[in-house]
Amino acid sequence: MKLRIKTQLAAIALALSAGHAVADINVGVVFSLTGPAASLGAETRKALELMPATLGGEKINYVVLDDATDPTNAVKNTRKLVGENKVDAIIGPNLITNGMAMVDVANETRVPMLSIAPIDPAADKRAWAFRVEPTADIMVGRVVEDMKAKGVKTVGFIGFSDSWGELLLKALTETTQAAGIKIVATERYARTDTSVTGQTLKVMSARPDAVFVGGSGTPAALPQSTLRERGYKGPIYQSHAVANREFLRLGGKNVEGARLPVAPVLVAEQMADGHPNKAAGVAFLQQLEGKLGADSRSTFAGAAWDAWLLLENAMKEAVKTARPGTPEFREGIRNALESTSGLVGVNGTYTLSAEDHGGYDPKAVVLIEVVNGKWSLVK
């Protein structure tokens, strides 16, 4: 009888052990794959091609959902991923409005999310939300440095009439004030607008030394094209959110000379050997372009890859003490993310803490220019 009980206990222990060994890790992914921000979502999704299928013997399932550039859909997707798919973490989204909408669900359900968009939730909503992208003031600040170096004294702004446009205008306002540059015109347009002639003429009437376009993706090409077609000769700056091939294709010759700040992966081979992110960036591009073809690179894919690197690093710690699919595992991921120190990615280097859920090193940012339809590092 004792032998039979021991045998049964041994069998149960073996089953539990085997169950842990084959426990799946579920990672949710929310990107804008349709709608006005589809060009960004498509670029961001590219990194999924390189994400591994296992982690330390545990199978990884990636569940990808499209938020259709809509915050309501983003929230629905988040609840579906948590409630139906039982995800251990979420990567995405690629829009601030959608990211901020998802934060409440992440905190409510206690599931860590790594936003590709540079969200900045209040301290009481930060616990389960992390971001991979640098903040707007870091990126816009790099552009303003270049304006100052060029002797720009006045700048005009034409940007989206939404939270992204507002965020860029706020960053431009703060950084230009510090640099002694005056904003002389502020105009807005919707992502879906097909004409910005009125706004462009108002900006030009203020005679700014330079113009900053506060948009993202392909819709950001419209103001620059209109400015050039109307005869504006001054320098035009764009935000880092236009750094994809479709922007170059749609803008054509009209976006020649545009300058923008970007994460280093876009021009990794052009950077000095001493840049801390060069080696990682070159290796990533070799893998990405080897799989998806030449010119498939993008900073958005780089951001998604860095989100994976951060998550992978955290999961390696969490899996030591908890089983995937449990609250303890998700808590372990969150705690490990907060302890990330000096993680070198392709888009930047990250040191996180309980007070800073971004931790992006500003020294990684580089300035590029469109030259002959390609991205060129400004040295």
Foldseek 3Di string as FASTA:
>chain_A
DVVVVVVVVVVVVVVVVVCLLAAAAEEEEEEACAALCNLLRVLLCLLVVVDDQDFNNYGYHYHYDHQNPDLVSLCVSLCCCCPPVLHQAYEEYQDQSNLVSNLVVCVVSVHAYEYQHPYDDDLVSCLRYFYADDALLLFVLVVVVVCVVVVFAEEEEEEAPDPQLVRNVVSNVVNCVVSNHYYQYYHYDHSPDPADLVRLVRRVVSVGQEYEYRYAAQSSLRSLLNNVVVPPDHAYEYEQRHFALRNLVNNPPSQAFYKGKFFCLQPLVQDDPPQLQNVQSVVVCCVSCVVVNPRSDTRSNQSSVVVSVLQSQQQVQLSVPDGRSDSSSSVSSSVSSQQDDQCHGNRATAGHHSVHSHRGDSVRMFMWGQDPSGTGGDD
